[in-house]
Amino acid sequence: YAVFGTSSTLAVGPVAVVSLMTAAAIAKVA
């Protein structure tokens, strides 16, 4: 993100909502 992103302060990584959606998505296939 530091190479391709345009925000000087955005911190990228795991977040709560996306982690919950990830759990719901992969639980359907494995």
PDB file of all heavy atoms in Angstrom:
ATOM      1  N   TYR A   1       0.843  -1.203   0.000  1.00  0.00           N
ATOM      2  CA  TYR A   1       0.000   0.000   0.000  1.00  0.00           C
ATOM      3  C   TYR A   1       0.878   1.254   0.000  1.00  0.00           C
ATOM      4  O   TYR A   1       0.531   2.260  -0.636  1.00  0.00           O
ATOM      5  CB  TYR A   1      -0.952   0.024   1.190  1.00  0.00           C
ATOM      6  CG  TYR A   1      -1.797   1.280   1.183  1.00  0.00           C
ATOM      7  CD1 TYR A   1      -2.925   1.361   0.387  1.00  0.00           C
ATOM      8  CD2 TYR A   1      -1.413   2.405   1.911  1.00  0.00           C
ATOM      9  CE1 TYR A   1      -3.660   2.537   0.313  1.00  0.00           C
ATOM     10  CE2 TYR A   1      -2.144   3.578   1.840  1.00  0.00           C
ATOM     11  CZ  TYR A   1      -3.272   3.634   1.054  1.00  0.00           C
ATOM     12  OH  TYR A   1      -3.994   4.798   0.968  1.00  0.00           O
ATOM     13  N   ALA A   2       2.001   1.210   0.705  1.00  0.00           N
ATOM     14  CA  ALA A   2       2.906   2.362   0.731  1.00  0.00           C
ATOM     15  C   ALA A   2       3.414   2.695  -0.672  1.00  0.00           C
ATOM     16  O   ALA A   2       3.690   3.855  -0.983  1.00  0.00           O
ATOM     17  CB  ALA A   2       4.082   2.087   1.664  1.00  0.00           C
ATOM     18  N   VAL A   3       3.521   1.693  -1.517  1.00  0.00           N
ATOM     19  CA  VAL A   3       4.005   1.896  -2.889  1.00  0.00           C
ATOM     20  C   VAL A   3       2.881   2.392  -3.803  1.00  0.00           C
ATOM     21  O   VAL A   3       3.074   3.307  -4.602  1.00  0.00           O
ATOM     22  CB  VAL A   3       4.603   0.594  -3.449  1.00  0.00           C
ATOM     23  CG1 VAL A   3       4.973   0.760  -4.926  1.00  0.00           C
ATOM     24  CG2 VAL A   3       5.817   0.167  -2.638  1.00  0.00           C
ATOM     25  N   PHE A   4       1.689   1.812  -3.654  1.00  0.00           N
ATOM     26  CA  PHE A   4       0.603   2.080  -4.607  1.00  0.00           C
ATOM     27  C   PHE A   4      -0.476   3.015  -4.070  1.00  0.00           C
ATOM     28  O   PHE A   4      -1.264   3.543  -4.847  1.00  0.00           O
ATOM     29  CB  PHE A   4      -0.055   0.760  -5.022  1.00  0.00           C
ATOM     30  CG  PHE A   4       0.813  -0.138  -5.848  1.00  0.00           C
ATOM     31  CD1 PHE A   4       1.549  -1.156  -5.256  1.00  0.00           C
ATOM     32  CD2 PHE A   4       0.912   0.036  -7.217  1.00  0.00           C
ATOM     33  CE1 PHE A   4       2.356  -1.990  -6.015  1.00  0.00           C
ATOM     34  CE2 PHE A   4       1.712  -0.792  -7.989  1.00  0.00           C
ATOM     35  CZ  PHE A   4       2.443  -1.799  -7.386  1.00  0.00           C
ATOM     36  N   GLY A   5      -0.583   3.210  -2.743  1.00  0.00           N
ATOM     37  CA  GLY A   5      -1.657   4.014  -2.171  1.00  0.00           C
ATOM     38  C   GLY A   5      -1.366   5.497  -2.190  1.00  0.00           C
ATOM     39  O   GLY A   5      -0.222   5.933  -2.359  1.00  0.00           O
ATOM     40  N   THR A   6      -2.414   6.306  -2.011  1.00  0.00           N
ATOM     41  CA  THR A   6      -2.267   7.761  -2.081  1.00  0.00           C
ATOM     42  C   THR A   6      -2.492   8.448  -0.740  1.00  0.00           C
ATOM     43  O   THR A   6      -2.292   9.658  -0.637  1.00  0.00           O
ATOM     44  CB  THR A   6      -3.258   8.355  -3.099  1.00  0.00           C
ATOM     45  OG1 THR A   6      -4.603   8.029  -2.711  1.00  0.00           O
ATOM     46  CG2 THR A   6      -2.992   7.827  -4.491  1.00  0.00           C
ATOM     47  N   SER A   7      -2.910   7.726   0.281  1.00  0.00           N
ATOM     48  CA  SER A   7      -3.106   8.338   1.597  1.00  0.00           C
ATOM     49  C   SER A   7      -1.802   8.290   2.390  1.00  0.00           C
ATOM     50  O   SER A   7      -1.135   7.256   2.436  1.00  0.00           O
ATOM     51  CB  SER A   7      -4.208   7.616   2.375  1.00  0.00           C
ATOM     52  OG  SER A   7      -4.258   8.065   3.719  1.00  0.00           O
ATOM     53  N   SER A   8      -1.469   9.397   3.026  1.00  0.00           N
ATOM     54  CA  SER A   8      -0.221   9.447   3.786  1.00  0.00           C
ATOM     55  C   SER A   8      -0.350   8.824   5.165  1.00  0.00           C
ATOM     56  O   SER A   8       0.660   8.564   5.822  1.00  0.00           O
ATOM     57  CB  SER A   8       0.239  10.899   3.934  1.00  0.00           C
ATOM     58  OG  SER A   8      -0.717  11.656   4.654  1.00  0.00           O
ATOM     59  N   THR A   9      -1.594   8.569   5.617  1.00  0.00           N
ATOM     60  CA  THR A   9      -1.775   8.092   6.995  1.00  0.00           C
ATOM     61  C   THR A   9      -2.629   6.837   7.122  1.00  0.00           C
ATOM     62  O   THR A   9      -2.796   6.329   8.226  1.00  0.00           O
ATOM     63  CB  THR A   9      -2.405   9.195   7.858  1.00  0.00           C
ATOM     64  OG1 THR A   9      -3.608   9.662   7.223  1.00  0.00           O
ATOM     65  CG2 THR A   9      -1.456  10.365   8.032  1.00  0.00           C
ATOM     66  N   LEU A  10      -3.168   6.327   6.025  1.00  0.00           N
ATOM     67  CA  LEU A  10      -4.018   5.138   6.114  1.00  0.00           C
ATOM     68  C   LEU A  10      -3.190   3.930   6.536  1.00  0.00           C
ATOM     69  O   LEU A  10      -2.148   3.643   5.955  1.00  0.00           O
ATOM     70  CB  LEU A  10      -4.685   4.859   4.774  1.00  0.00           C
ATOM     71  CG  LEU A  10      -5.756   3.760   4.787  1.00  0.00           C
ATOM     72  CD1 LEU A  10      -6.985   4.221   5.553  1.00  0.00           C
ATOM     73  CD2 LEU A  10      -6.147   3.377   3.355  1.00  0.00           C
ATOM     74  N   ALA A  11      -3.656   3.222   7.577  1.00  0.00           N
ATOM     75  CA  ALA A  11      -2.981   2.013   8.061  1.00  0.00           C
ATOM     76  C   ALA A  11      -3.769   0.788   7.601  1.00  0.00           C
ATOM     77  O   ALA A  11      -4.911   0.582   8.015  1.00  0.00           O
ATOM     78  CB  ALA A  11      -2.876   2.039   9.588  1.00  0.00           C
ATOM     79  N   VAL A  12      -3.158   0.002   6.742  1.00  0.00           N
ATOM     80  CA  VAL A  12      -3.830  -1.140   6.123  1.00  0.00           C
ATOM     81  C   VAL A  12      -3.518  -2.412   6.894  1.00  0.00           C
ATOM     82  O   VAL A  12      -2.397  -2.620   7.361  1.00  0.00           O
ATOM     83  CB  VAL A  12      -3.393  -1.285   4.655  1.00  0.00           C
ATOM     84  CG1 VAL A  12      -3.961  -2.553   4.030  1.00  0.00           C
ATOM     85  CG2 VAL A  12      -3.838  -0.063   3.859  1.00  0.00           C
ATOM     86  N   GLY A  13      -4.522  -3.275   7.023  1.00  0.00           N
ATOM     87  CA  GLY A  13      -4.350  -4.549   7.710  1.00  0.00           C
ATOM     88  C   GLY A  13      -5.688  -5.184   7.980  1.00  0.00           C
ATOM     89  O   GLY A  13      -6.722  -4.741   7.458  1.00  0.00           O
ATOM     90  N   PRO A  14      -5.730  -6.226   8.797  1.00  0.00           N
ATOM     91  CA  PRO A  14      -7.011  -6.850   9.139  1.00  0.00           C
ATOM     92  C   PRO A  14      -7.894  -5.883   9.913  1.00  0.00           C
ATOM     93  O   PRO A  14      -7.412  -5.121  10.753  1.00  0.00           O
ATOM     94  CB  PRO A  14      -6.596  -8.036  10.022  1.00  0.00           C
ATOM     95  CG  PRO A  14      -5.148  -8.255   9.741  1.00  0.00           C
ATOM     96  CD  PRO A  14      -4.588  -6.909   9.412  1.00  0.00           C
ATOM     97  N   VAL A  15      -9.195  -5.886   9.617  1.00  0.00           N
ATOM     98  CA  VAL A  15     -10.154  -5.080  10.357  1.00  0.00           C
ATOM     99  C   VAL A  15     -11.333  -5.966  10.745  1.00  0.00           C
ATOM    100  O   VAL A  15     -11.547  -7.038  10.172  1.00  0.00           O
ATOM    101  CB  VAL A  15     -10.652  -3.861   9.550  1.00  0.00           C
ATOM    102  CG1 VAL A  15      -9.492  -2.943   9.186  1.00  0.00           C
ATOM    103  CG2 VAL A  15     -11.389  -4.302   8.296  1.00  0.00           C
ATOM    104  N   ALA A  16     -12.116  -5.489  11.694  1.00  0.00           N
ATOM    105  CA  ALA A  16     -13.150  -6.327  12.300  1.00  0.00           C
ATOM    106  C   ALA A  16     -14.203  -6.797  11.293  1.00  0.00           C
ATOM    107  O   ALA A  16     -14.485  -7.994  11.174  1.00  0.00           O
ATOM    108  CB  ALA A  16     -13.816  -5.551  13.446  1.00  0.00           C
ATOM    109  N   VAL A  17     -14.805  -5.851  10.561  1.00  0.00           N
ATOM    110  CA  VAL A  17     -15.917  -6.205   9.680  1.00  0.00           C
ATOM    111  C   VAL A  17     -15.458  -7.144   8.568  1.00  0.00           C
ATOM    112  O   VAL A  17     -16.115  -8.152   8.270  1.00  0.00           O
ATOM    113  CB  VAL A  17     -16.558  -4.931   9.090  1.00  0.00           C
ATOM    114  CG1 VAL A  17     -17.604  -5.298   8.049  1.00  0.00           C
ATOM    115  CG2 VAL A  17     -17.187  -4.089  10.197  1.00  0.00           C
ATOM    116  N   VAL A  18     -14.322  -6.840   7.943  1.00  0.00           N
ATOM    117  CA  VAL A  18     -13.809  -7.698   6.865  1.00  0.00           C
ATOM    118  C   VAL A  18     -13.424  -9.073   7.414  1.00  0.00           C
ATOM    119  O   VAL A  18     -13.621 -10.096   6.741  1.00  0.00           O
ATOM    120  CB  VAL A  18     -12.622  -7.015   6.163  1.00  0.00           C
ATOM    121  CG1 VAL A  18     -11.911  -7.981   5.219  1.00  0.00           C
ATOM    122  CG2 VAL A  18     -13.101  -5.796   5.387  1.00  0.00           C
ATOM    123  N   SER A  19     -12.896  -9.128   8.623  1.00  0.00           N
ATOM    124  CA  SER A  19     -12.547 -10.423   9.226  1.00  0.00           C
ATOM    125  C   SER A  19     -13.798 -11.252   9.463  1.00  0.00           C
ATOM    126  O   SER A  19     -13.808 -12.472   9.237  1.00  0.00           O
ATOM    127  CB  SER A  19     -11.805 -10.202  10.544  1.00  0.00           C
ATOM    128  OG  SER A  19     -10.578  -9.538  10.336  1.00  0.00           O
ATOM    129  N   LEU A  20     -14.868 -10.616   9.924  1.00  0.00           N
ATOM    130  CA  LEU A  20     -16.131 -11.330  10.118  1.00  0.00           C
ATOM    131  C   LEU A  20     -16.667 -11.844   8.792  1.00  0.00           C
ATOM    132  O   LEU A  20     -17.128 -12.993   8.692  1.00  0.00           O
ATOM    133  CB  LEU A  20     -17.151 -10.400  10.779  1.00  0.00           C
ATOM    134  CG  LEU A  20     -18.540 -10.999  11.001  1.00  0.00           C
ATOM    135  CD1 LEU A  20     -18.486 -12.121  12.023  1.00  0.00           C
ATOM    136  CD2 LEU A  20     -19.527  -9.920  11.461  1.00  0.00           C
ATOM    137  N   MET A  21     -16.620 -11.010   7.748  1.00  0.00           N
ATOM    138  CA  MET A  21     -17.088 -11.431   6.430  1.00  0.00           C
ATOM    139  C   MET A  21     -16.217 -12.560   5.879  1.00  0.00           C
ATOM    140  O   MET A  21     -16.719 -13.470   5.200  1.00  0.00           O
ATOM    141  CB  MET A  21     -17.091 -10.240   5.477  1.00  0.00           C
ATOM    142  CG  MET A  21     -18.068  -9.136   5.865  1.00  0.00           C
ATOM    143  SD  MET A  21     -18.014  -7.715   4.741  1.00  0.00           S
ATOM    144  CE  MET A  21     -18.762  -8.443   3.281  1.00  0.00           C
ATOM    145  N   THR A  22     -14.924 -12.504   6.169  1.00  0.00           N
ATOM    146  CA  THR A  22     -14.021 -13.579   5.742  1.00  0.00           C
ATOM    147  C   THR A  22     -14.410 -14.893   6.397  1.00  0.00           C
ATOM    148  O   THR A  22     -14.482 -15.944   5.735  1.00  0.00           O
ATOM    149  CB  THR A  22     -12.563 -13.224   6.096  1.00  0.00           C
ATOM    150  OG1 THR A  22     -12.179 -12.054   5.384  1.00  0.00           O
ATOM    151  CG2 THR A  22     -11.623 -14.364   5.751  1.00  0.00           C
ATOM    152  N   ALA A  23     -14.671 -14.850   7.693  1.00  0.00           N
ATOM    153  CA  ALA A  23     -15.076 -16.064   8.412  1.00  0.00           C
ATOM    154  C   ALA A  23     -16.345 -16.650   7.827  1.00  0.00           C
ATOM    155  O   ALA A  23     -16.460 -17.870   7.623  1.00  0.00           O
ATOM    156  CB  ALA A  23     -15.267 -15.741   9.898  1.00  0.00           C
ATOM    157  N   ALA A  24     -17.331 -15.789   7.536  1.00  0.00           N
ATOM    158  CA  ALA A  24     -18.598 -16.266   6.980  1.00  0.00           C
ATOM    159  C   ALA A  24     -18.411 -16.858   5.592  1.00  0.00           C
ATOM    160  O   ALA A  24     -19.039 -17.864   5.240  1.00  0.00           O
ATOM    161  CB  ALA A  24     -19.602 -15.114   6.929  1.00  0.00           C
ATOM    162  N   ALA A  25     -17.515 -16.263   4.798  1.00  0.00           N
ATOM    163  CA  ALA A  25     -17.320 -16.724   3.420  1.00  0.00           C
ATOM    164  C   ALA A  25     -16.607 -18.065   3.363  1.00  0.00           C
ATOM    165  O   ALA A  25     -17.053 -18.994   2.660  1.00  0.00           O
ATOM    166  CB  ALA A  25     -16.534 -15.673   2.634  1.00  0.00           C
ATOM    167  N   ILE A  26     -15.510 -18.203   4.099  1.00  0.00           N
ATOM    168  CA  ILE A  26     -14.726 -19.434   3.970  1.00  0.00           C
ATOM    169  C   ILE A  26     -15.356 -20.587   4.740  1.00  0.00           C
ATOM    170  O   ILE A  26     -15.061 -21.762   4.445  1.00  0.00           O
ATOM    171  CB  ILE A  26     -13.262 -19.216   4.417  1.00  0.00           C
ATOM    172  CG1 ILE A  26     -13.187 -18.746   5.865  1.00  0.00           C
ATOM    173  CG2 ILE A  26     -12.588 -18.215   3.508  1.00  0.00           C
ATOM    174  CD1 ILE A  26     -11.757 -18.481   6.351  1.00  0.00           C
ATOM    175  N   ALA A  27     -16.232 -20.278   5.712  1.00  0.00           N
ATOM    176  CA  ALA A  27     -16.911 -21.353   6.435  1.00  0.00           C
ATOM    177  C   ALA A  27     -17.867 -22.120   5.524  1.00  0.00           C
ATOM    178  O   ALA A  27     -18.231 -23.264   5.825  1.00  0.00           O
ATOM    179  CB  ALA A  27     -17.667 -20.783   7.636  1.00  0.00           C
ATOM    180  N   LYS A  28     -18.261 -21.507   4.401  1.00  0.00           N
ATOM    181  CA  LYS A  28     -19.184 -22.172   3.472  1.00  0.00           C
ATOM    182  C   LYS A  28     -18.489 -23.170   2.563  1.00  0.00           C
ATOM    183  O   LYS A  28     -19.141 -23.995   1.931  1.00  0.00           O
ATOM    184  CB  LYS A  28     -19.899 -21.122   2.619  1.00  0.00           C
ATOM    185  CG  LYS A  28     -20.811 -20.182   3.406  1.00  0.00           C
ATOM    186  CD  LYS A  28     -21.565 -19.236   2.494  1.00  0.00           C
ATOM    187  CE  LYS A  28     -20.639 -18.324   1.727  1.00  0.00           C
ATOM    188  NZ  LYS A  28     -21.383 -17.303   0.941  1.00  0.00           N
ATOM    189  N   VAL A  29     -17.152 -23.094   2.493  1.00  0.00           N
ATOM    190  CA  VAL A  29     -16.440 -23.934   1.529  1.00  0.00           C
ATOM    191  C   VAL A  29     -15.428 -24.875   2.180  1.00  0.00           C
ATOM    192  O   VAL A  29     -14.858 -25.728   1.494  1.00  0.00           O
ATOM    193  CB  VAL A  29     -15.711 -23.066   0.477  1.00  0.00           C
ATOM    194  CG1 VAL A  29     -16.718 -22.235  -0.315  1.00  0.00           C
ATOM    195  CG2 VAL A  29     -14.679 -22.153   1.126  1.00  0.00           C
ATOM    196  N   ALA A  30     -15.186 -24.716   3.478  1.00  0.00           N
ATOM    197  CA  ALA A  30     -14.189 -25.573   4.136  1.00  0.00           C
ATOM    198  C   ALA A  30     -14.485 -25.675   5.625  1.00  0.00           C
ATOM    199  O   ALA A  30     -15.167 -24.829   6.207  1.00  0.00           O
ATOM    200  CB  ALA A  30     -12.780 -25.008   3.921  1.00  0.00           C
TER     201      ALA A  30
END
